[in-house]
Amino acid sequence: MRNVVAATFLSLDGVIQAPGGPEEDSAGGFSHGGWTFHYWDEPMGEVMEKAFAEEFDLLLGRKTYDIFAAHWPHAGDDPVAMKFNACIKYVATSAPKTLNWQNSVALRGEIAAEVAALKRQDGPKLLLQGSSELIQLLLAKDLIDEFNLLIFPVVLGAGKRLFGEGTMPAAFTLVESRVSSTGVIMATYRRAGAVTTGSFVLPAPSEDEIARCEKNLSAA
């Protein structure tokens, strides 16, 4: 079995759009592209280096694939470039013949079903980078096993968000966390079953509490 691990840059209000530069994605009039640039420091580099140290294949949407394919094959002997160039790139695309980056494989047909089939195979983890539309599809089908989140101390107000309306409810466990000198929270969350609920209602609720609950029930 292979796990899908989503490595995502995230604002405080949940935006993941165009973290690396204005040219990445201006859809919807998004004007804050490159919002992560001024927060990078050595601890963040160490966390990223650790994330890329393990074996992985990439899982990408088409827009992120095009951004990566225009950059990493030309990045020389950069350690990340060497990893990205060598691994298999599984790409959700309707134009498979235009995948020119080495070791690229098109996911066609029903994408969620193809990712589910990849998860059932033996092999390295499937590292999901960027790819906001693909993330939404996989969240709706409950196919993401782990999140590596870098949460930046910035509110963007608008933009594509990590957790959309179709997200399946799920519980996660915090596996590891660290904070950079610039206030970025770097946290790994792993899938931990279904959401569990409880109640802080008093064992003997007051008349006011009973009336409030009855009002809520009648309004439902």
C-alpha atoms as a PDB file:
ATOM      1  CA  MET A   1       0.000   0.000   0.000  1.00  0.00           C
ATOM      2  CA  ARG A   2       1.132   3.528  -0.796  1.00  0.00           C
ATOM      3  CA  ASN A   3       0.110   6.650   1.102  1.00  0.00           C
ATOM      4  CA  VAL A   4      -0.865   9.948  -0.488  1.00  0.00           C
ATOM      5  CA  VAL A   5       0.941  12.764   1.331  1.00  0.00           C
ATOM      6  CA  ALA A   6      -0.154  16.338   0.578  1.00  0.00           C
ATOM      7  CA  ALA A   7       2.659  18.850   1.147  1.00  0.00           C
ATOM      8  CA  THR A   8       0.978  22.235   1.213  1.00  0.00           C
ATOM      9  CA  PHE A   9       1.757  25.903   1.923  1.00  0.00           C
ATOM     10  CA  LEU A  10      -1.198  27.394   3.764  1.00  0.00           C
ATOM     11  CA  SER A  11      -2.227  30.883   4.911  1.00  0.00           C
ATOM     12  CA  LEU A  12      -4.015  31.386   8.240  1.00  0.00           C
ATOM     13  CA  ASP A  13      -7.324  31.654   6.391  1.00  0.00           C
ATOM     14  CA  GLY A  14      -6.684  28.451   4.448  1.00  0.00           C
ATOM     15  CA  VAL A  15      -5.508  29.811   1.073  1.00  0.00           C
ATOM     16  CA  ILE A  16      -3.056  27.684  -0.953  1.00  0.00           C
ATOM     17  CA  GLN A  17      -3.090  29.616  -4.251  1.00  0.00           C
ATOM     18  CA  ALA A  18       0.172  30.789  -5.877  1.00  0.00           C
ATOM     19  CA  PRO A  19       2.508  30.627  -2.870  1.00  0.00           C
ATOM     20  CA  GLY A  20       5.686  30.826  -4.953  1.00  0.00           C
ATOM     21  CA  GLY A  21       5.164  33.792  -7.250  1.00  0.00           C
ATOM     22  CA  PRO A  22       2.707  36.088  -9.081  1.00  0.00           C
ATOM     23  CA  GLU A  23       3.096  34.082 -12.292  1.00  0.00           C
ATOM     24  CA  GLU A  24       1.903  30.792 -10.755  1.00  0.00           C
ATOM     25  CA  ASP A  25      -1.862  31.278 -10.643  1.00  0.00           C
ATOM     26  CA  SER A  26      -3.802  34.552 -10.883  1.00  0.00           C
ATOM     27  CA  ALA A  27      -7.199  32.876 -11.401  1.00  0.00           C
ATOM     28  CA  GLY A  28     -10.098  34.793  -9.878  1.00  0.00           C
ATOM     29  CA  GLY A  29      -8.038  37.989  -9.861  1.00  0.00           C
ATOM     30  CA  PHE A  30      -5.710  36.663  -7.140  1.00  0.00           C
ATOM     31  CA  SER A  31      -3.117  39.381  -6.557  1.00  0.00           C
ATOM     32  CA  HIS A  32      -0.950  38.005  -3.733  1.00  0.00           C
ATOM     33  CA  GLY A  33       1.126  35.448  -5.640  1.00  0.00           C
ATOM     34  CA  GLY A  34       4.455  34.831  -3.909  1.00  0.00           C
ATOM     35  CA  TRP A  35       3.101  35.332  -0.397  1.00  0.00           C
ATOM     36  CA  THR A  36       5.538  32.795   1.137  1.00  0.00           C
ATOM     37  CA  PHE A  37       8.723  34.374  -0.225  1.00  0.00           C
ATOM     38  CA  HIS A  38       9.807  36.551   2.728  1.00  0.00           C
ATOM     39  CA  TYR A  39       9.244  33.886   5.405  1.00  0.00           C
ATOM     40  CA  TRP A  40      11.898  31.330   4.474  1.00  0.00           C
ATOM     41  CA  ASP A  41      14.642  30.521   6.968  1.00  0.00           C
ATOM     42  CA  GLU A  42      17.044  27.701   7.851  1.00  0.00           C
ATOM     43  CA  PRO A  43      14.617  25.606   9.965  1.00  0.00           C
ATOM     44  CA  MET A  44      12.134  25.598   7.076  1.00  0.00           C
ATOM     45  CA  GLY A  45      14.871  24.413   4.745  1.00  0.00           C
ATOM     46  CA  GLU A  46      15.689  21.586   7.165  1.00  0.00           C
ATOM     47  CA  VAL A  47      12.067  20.469   7.284  1.00  0.00           C
ATOM     48  CA  MET A  48      11.807  20.515   3.501  1.00  0.00           C
ATOM     49  CA  GLU A  49      15.076  18.610   3.162  1.00  0.00           C
ATOM     50  CA  LYS A  50      13.764  15.923   5.521  1.00  0.00           C
ATOM     51  CA  ALA A  51      10.508  15.672   3.565  1.00  0.00           C
ATOM     52  CA  PHE A  52      12.394  15.031   0.330  1.00  0.00           C
ATOM     53  CA  ALA A  53      14.909  12.620   1.882  1.00  0.00           C
ATOM     54  CA  GLU A  54      12.557   9.630   1.658  1.00  0.00           C
ATOM     55  CA  GLU A  55      11.715   7.930  -1.607  1.00  0.00           C
ATOM     56  CA  PHE A  56       8.571   9.207  -3.326  1.00  0.00           C
ATOM     57  CA  ASP A  57       6.739   9.573  -6.596  1.00  0.00           C
ATOM     58  CA  LEU A  58       5.030  12.864  -7.412  1.00  0.00           C
ATOM     59  CA  LEU A  59       1.280  13.243  -7.820  1.00  0.00           C
ATOM     60  CA  LEU A  60       0.430  16.462  -9.673  1.00  0.00           C
ATOM     61  CA  GLY A  61      -2.372  18.412 -11.274  1.00  0.00           C
ATOM     62  CA  ARG A  62      -1.653  19.749 -14.742  1.00  0.00           C
ATOM     63  CA  LYS A  63      -1.010  23.367 -13.765  1.00  0.00           C
ATOM     64  CA  THR A  64       1.501  22.425 -11.054  1.00  0.00           C
ATOM     65  CA  TYR A  65       3.123  19.934 -13.416  1.00  0.00           C
ATOM     66  CA  ASP A  66       3.686  22.677 -15.997  1.00  0.00           C
ATOM     67  CA  ILE A  67       5.229  24.968 -13.341  1.00  0.00           C
ATOM     68  CA  PHE A  68       7.559  22.202 -12.155  1.00  0.00           C
ATOM     69  CA  ALA A  69       8.438  21.012 -15.673  1.00  0.00           C
ATOM     70  CA  ALA A  70       9.526  24.521 -16.647  1.00  0.00           C
ATOM     71  CA  HIS A  71      11.800  24.803 -13.607  1.00  0.00           C
ATOM     72  CA  TRP A  72      13.247  21.602 -12.161  1.00  0.00           C
ATOM     73  CA  PRO A  73      14.790  20.048 -15.308  1.00  0.00           C
ATOM     74  CA  HIS A  74      16.829  23.267 -15.618  1.00  0.00           C
ATOM     75  CA  ALA A  75      17.920  23.521 -11.966  1.00  0.00           C
ATOM     76  CA  GLY A  76      21.211  21.674 -12.395  1.00  0.00           C
ATOM     77  CA  ASP A  77      22.499  19.537  -9.536  1.00  0.00           C
ATOM     78  CA  ASP A  78      20.116  20.983  -6.940  1.00  0.00           C
ATOM     79  CA  PRO A  79      19.236  18.027  -4.632  1.00  0.00           C
ATOM     80  CA  VAL A  80      15.472  18.580  -4.972  1.00  0.00           C
ATOM     81  CA  ALA A  81      15.800  18.840  -8.752  1.00  0.00           C
ATOM     82  CA  MET A  82      17.650  15.541  -8.869  1.00  0.00           C
ATOM     83  CA  LYS A  83      14.885  13.863  -6.840  1.00  0.00           C
ATOM     84  CA  PHE A  84      12.066  15.403  -8.870  1.00  0.00           C
ATOM     85  CA  ASN A  85      13.696  14.618 -12.210  1.00  0.00           C
ATOM     86  CA  ALA A  86      14.362  10.979 -11.296  1.00  0.00           C
ATOM     87  CA  CYS A  87      11.017  10.046  -9.716  1.00  0.00           C
ATOM     88  CA  ILE A  88       7.820   9.091 -11.547  1.00  0.00           C
ATOM     89  CA  LYS A  89       5.414  11.993 -12.045  1.00  0.00           C
ATOM     90  CA  TYR A  90       1.745  10.921 -12.093  1.00  0.00           C
ATOM     91  CA  VAL A  91      -0.223  13.739 -13.718  1.00  0.00           C
ATOM     92  CA  ALA A  92      -3.957  14.409 -13.905  1.00  0.00           C
ATOM     93  CA  THR A  93      -4.254  15.712 -17.467  1.00  0.00           C
ATOM     94  CA  SER A  94      -6.418  15.558 -20.570  1.00  0.00           C
ATOM     95  CA  ALA A  95      -3.381  16.101 -22.814  1.00  0.00           C
ATOM     96  CA  PRO A  96      -1.013  13.168 -22.158  1.00  0.00           C
ATOM     97  CA  LYS A  97       1.047  13.662 -25.315  1.00  0.00           C
ATOM     98  CA  THR A  98       2.307  17.011 -24.015  1.00  0.00           C
ATOM     99  CA  LEU A  99       3.986  15.545 -20.923  1.00  0.00           C
ATOM    100  CA  ASN A 100       7.617  16.159 -21.910  1.00  0.00           C
ATOM    101  CA  TRP A 101       9.310  15.936 -18.509  1.00  0.00           C
ATOM    102  CA  GLN A 102      11.123  12.623 -18.089  1.00  0.00           C
ATOM    103  CA  ASN A 103       9.317   9.814 -16.220  1.00  0.00           C
ATOM    104  CA  SER A 104       5.886  11.443 -16.572  1.00  0.00           C
ATOM    105  CA  VAL A 105       2.772   9.253 -16.593  1.00  0.00           C
ATOM    106  CA  ALA A 106      -0.711  10.533 -17.432  1.00  0.00           C
ATOM    107  CA  LEU A 107      -3.684   9.728 -15.219  1.00  0.00           C
ATOM    108  CA  ARG A 108      -6.693   9.453 -17.507  1.00  0.00           C
ATOM    109  CA  GLY A 109     -10.300   8.400 -17.097  1.00  0.00           C
ATOM    110  CA  GLU A 110     -11.661   8.676 -13.562  1.00  0.00           C
ATOM    111  CA  ILE A 111      -8.762  10.308 -11.704  1.00  0.00           C
ATOM    112  CA  ALA A 112      -9.840   9.350  -8.170  1.00  0.00           C
ATOM    113  CA  ALA A 113     -10.143   5.707  -9.212  1.00  0.00           C
ATOM    114  CA  GLU A 114      -6.679   5.794 -10.769  1.00  0.00           C
ATOM    115  CA  VAL A 115      -5.175   7.299  -7.610  1.00  0.00           C
ATOM    116  CA  ALA A 116      -6.957   4.684  -5.505  1.00  0.00           C
ATOM    117  CA  ALA A 117      -5.415   1.993  -7.731  1.00  0.00           C
ATOM    118  CA  LEU A 118      -1.950   3.542  -7.291  1.00  0.00           C
ATOM    119  CA  LYS A 119      -2.447   3.487  -3.510  1.00  0.00           C
ATOM    120  CA  ARG A 120      -3.083  -0.256  -3.637  1.00  0.00           C
ATOM    121  CA  GLN A 121       0.255  -0.883  -5.338  1.00  0.00           C
ATOM    122  CA  ASP A 122       3.619  -1.460  -3.696  1.00  0.00           C
ATOM    123  CA  GLY A 123       6.028   1.432  -3.986  1.00  0.00           C
ATOM    124  CA  PRO A 124       7.080   4.746  -2.438  1.00  0.00           C
ATOM    125  CA  LYS A 125       4.662   7.319  -1.095  1.00  0.00           C
ATOM    126  CA  LEU A 126       2.762   9.542  -3.518  1.00  0.00           C
ATOM    127  CA  LEU A 127       3.782  13.129  -2.756  1.00  0.00           C
ATOM    128  CA  LEU A 128       1.081  15.607  -3.752  1.00  0.00           C
ATOM    129  CA  GLN A 129       2.496  19.091  -4.359  1.00  0.00           C
ATOM    130  CA  GLY A 130       0.402  22.194  -5.067  1.00  0.00           C
ATOM    131  CA  SER A 131      -2.381  21.011  -7.406  1.00  0.00           C
ATOM    132  CA  SER A 132      -5.344  22.737  -5.740  1.00  0.00           C
ATOM    133  CA  GLU A 133      -7.981  21.194  -8.018  1.00  0.00           C
ATOM    134  CA  LEU A 134      -6.568  17.680  -7.644  1.00  0.00           C
ATOM    135  CA  ILE A 135      -6.478  18.117  -3.852  1.00  0.00           C
ATOM    136  CA  GLN A 136     -10.208  18.922  -3.844  1.00  0.00           C
ATOM    137  CA  LEU A 137     -10.977  15.805  -5.863  1.00  0.00           C
ATOM    138  CA  LEU A 138      -8.938  13.568  -3.561  1.00  0.00           C
ATOM    139  CA  LEU A 139     -10.359  15.155  -0.392  1.00  0.00           C
ATOM    140  CA  ALA A 140     -13.881  14.477  -1.650  1.00  0.00           C
ATOM    141  CA  LYS A 141     -12.974  10.796  -2.096  1.00  0.00           C
ATOM    142  CA  ASP A 142     -11.071  10.552   1.222  1.00  0.00           C
ATOM    143  CA  LEU A 143      -7.823   9.547  -0.524  1.00  0.00           C
ATOM    144  CA  ILE A 144      -5.289  11.722   1.342  1.00  0.00           C
ATOM    145  CA  ASP A 145      -3.522   9.938   4.204  1.00  0.00           C
ATOM    146  CA  GLU A 146      -1.233  12.664   5.506  1.00  0.00           C
ATOM    147  CA  PHE A 147      -0.763  16.430   5.373  1.00  0.00           C
ATOM    148  CA  ASN A 148       2.605  18.159   5.649  1.00  0.00           C
ATOM    149  CA  LEU A 149       1.443  21.722   6.258  1.00  0.00           C
ATOM    150  CA  LEU A 150       3.516  24.886   6.372  1.00  0.00           C
ATOM    151  CA  ILE A 151       1.139  27.419   7.911  1.00  0.00           C
ATOM    152  CA  PHE A 152       2.241  31.007   7.261  1.00  0.00           C
ATOM    153  CA  PRO A 153       1.313  33.970   9.518  1.00  0.00           C
ATOM    154  CA  VAL A 154      -0.597  35.833   6.829  1.00  0.00           C
ATOM    155  CA  VAL A 155      -4.283  36.304   5.967  1.00  0.00           C
ATOM    156  CA  LEU A 156      -5.024  36.628   2.244  1.00  0.00           C
ATOM    157  CA  GLY A 157      -8.788  37.147   2.288  1.00  0.00           C
ATOM    158  CA  ALA A 158      -9.503  35.413  -1.019  1.00  0.00           C
ATOM    159  CA  GLY A 159      -8.081  32.617  -3.139  1.00  0.00           C
ATOM    160  CA  LYS A 160      -8.235  28.869  -3.620  1.00  0.00           C
ATOM    161  CA  ARG A 161      -8.498  27.119  -0.265  1.00  0.00           C
ATOM    162  CA  LEU A 162      -7.215  23.771   0.944  1.00  0.00           C
ATOM    163  CA  PHE A 163     -10.459  22.401   2.371  1.00  0.00           C
ATOM    164  CA  GLY A 164     -13.393  22.966   0.017  1.00  0.00           C
ATOM    165  CA  GLU A 165     -17.077  22.195   0.418  1.00  0.00           C
ATOM    166  CA  GLY A 166     -16.725  18.604  -0.815  1.00  0.00           C
ATOM    167  CA  THR A 167     -14.131  17.595   1.787  1.00  0.00           C
ATOM    168  CA  MET A 168     -14.946  14.342   3.599  1.00  0.00           C
ATOM    169  CA  PRO A 169     -14.945  14.613   7.419  1.00  0.00           C
ATOM    170  CA  ALA A 170     -11.894  12.904   8.934  1.00  0.00           C
ATOM    171  CA  ALA A 171      -9.800  12.905  12.104  1.00  0.00           C
ATOM    172  CA  PHE A 172      -6.036  13.429  12.039  1.00  0.00           C
ATOM    173  CA  THR A 173      -3.211  12.974  14.542  1.00  0.00           C
ATOM    174  CA  LEU A 174      -0.394  15.502  14.911  1.00  0.00           C
ATOM    175  CA  VAL A 175       2.782  13.498  14.268  1.00  0.00           C
ATOM    176  CA  GLU A 176       5.406  16.234  14.309  1.00  0.00           C
ATOM    177  CA  SER A 177       5.577  20.020  14.560  1.00  0.00           C
ATOM    178  CA  ARG A 178       8.104  22.828  14.539  1.00  0.00           C
ATOM    179  CA  VAL A 179       8.018  26.631  14.331  1.00  0.00           C
ATOM    180  CA  SER A 180      10.352  28.711  12.161  1.00  0.00           C
ATOM    181  CA  SER A 181      12.018  31.955  13.237  1.00  0.00           C
ATOM    182  CA  THR A 182       9.526  33.804  11.011  1.00  0.00           C
ATOM    183  CA  GLY A 183       6.472  32.292  12.685  1.00  0.00           C
ATOM    184  CA  VAL A 184       5.677  29.540  10.178  1.00  0.00           C
ATOM    185  CA  ILE A 185       4.158  26.462  11.811  1.00  0.00           C
ATOM    186  CA  MET A 186       5.414  23.274  10.156  1.00  0.00           C
ATOM    187  CA  ALA A 187       3.175  20.358  11.111  1.00  0.00           C
ATOM    188  CA  THR A 188       2.555  16.808   9.945  1.00  0.00           C
ATOM    189  CA  TYR A 189      -0.937  15.374  10.394  1.00  0.00           C
ATOM    190  CA  ARG A 190      -1.708  11.692   9.734  1.00  0.00           C
ATOM    191  CA  ARG A 191      -5.135  10.160   9.094  1.00  0.00           C
ATOM    192  CA  ALA A 192      -6.664   8.778  12.295  1.00  0.00           C
ATOM    193  CA  GLY A 193     -10.075   7.382  11.416  1.00  0.00           C
ATOM    194  CA  ALA A 194     -13.481   8.983  11.623  1.00  0.00           C
ATOM    195  CA  VAL A 195     -14.511  12.147  13.458  1.00  0.00           C
ATOM    196  CA  THR A 196     -15.627  11.414  17.020  1.00  0.00           C
ATOM    197  CA  THR A 197     -18.013  13.681  18.891  1.00  0.00           C
ATOM    198  CA  GLY A 198     -19.018  14.329  22.490  1.00  0.00           C
ATOM    199  CA  SER A 199     -20.834  16.908  24.579  1.00  0.00           C
ATOM    200  CA  PHE A 200     -20.070  19.356  27.378  1.00  0.00           C
ATOM    201  CA  VAL A 201     -23.722  19.451  28.470  1.00  0.00           C
ATOM    202  CA  LEU A 202     -24.134  19.109  32.246  1.00  0.00           C
ATOM    203  CA  PRO A 203     -25.324  15.709  33.541  1.00  0.00           C
ATOM    204  CA  ALA A 204     -28.454  17.483  34.779  1.00  0.00           C
ATOM    205  CA  PRO A 205     -29.080  20.256  32.208  1.00  0.00           C
ATOM    206  CA  SER A 206     -30.794  23.431  33.312  1.00  0.00           C
ATOM    207  CA  GLU A 207     -34.268  24.419  32.170  1.00  0.00           C
ATOM    208  CA  ASP A 208     -32.656  27.072  29.975  1.00  0.00           C
ATOM    209  CA  GLU A 209     -30.444  24.413  28.332  1.00  0.00           C
ATOM    210  CA  ILE A 210     -33.417  22.125  27.736  1.00  0.00           C
ATOM    211  CA  ALA A 211     -35.371  24.993  26.172  1.00  0.00           C
ATOM    212  CA  ARG A 212     -32.404  25.925  23.969  1.00  0.00           C
ATOM    213  CA  CYS A 213     -32.059  22.334  22.698  1.00  0.00           C
ATOM    214  CA  GLU A 214     -35.788  22.054  22.008  1.00  0.00           C
ATOM    215  CA  LYS A 215     -35.652  25.317  20.051  1.00  0.00           C
ATOM    216  CA  ASN A 216     -32.732  24.029  17.983  1.00  0.00           C
ATOM    217  CA  LEU A 217     -34.544  20.766  17.246  1.00  0.00           C
ATOM    218  CA  SER A 218     -37.697  22.547  16.110  1.00  0.00           C
ATOM    219  CA  ALA A 219     -35.660  24.803  13.799  1.00  0.00           C
ATOM    220  CA  ALA A 220     -33.763  21.909  12.202  1.00  0.00           C
END
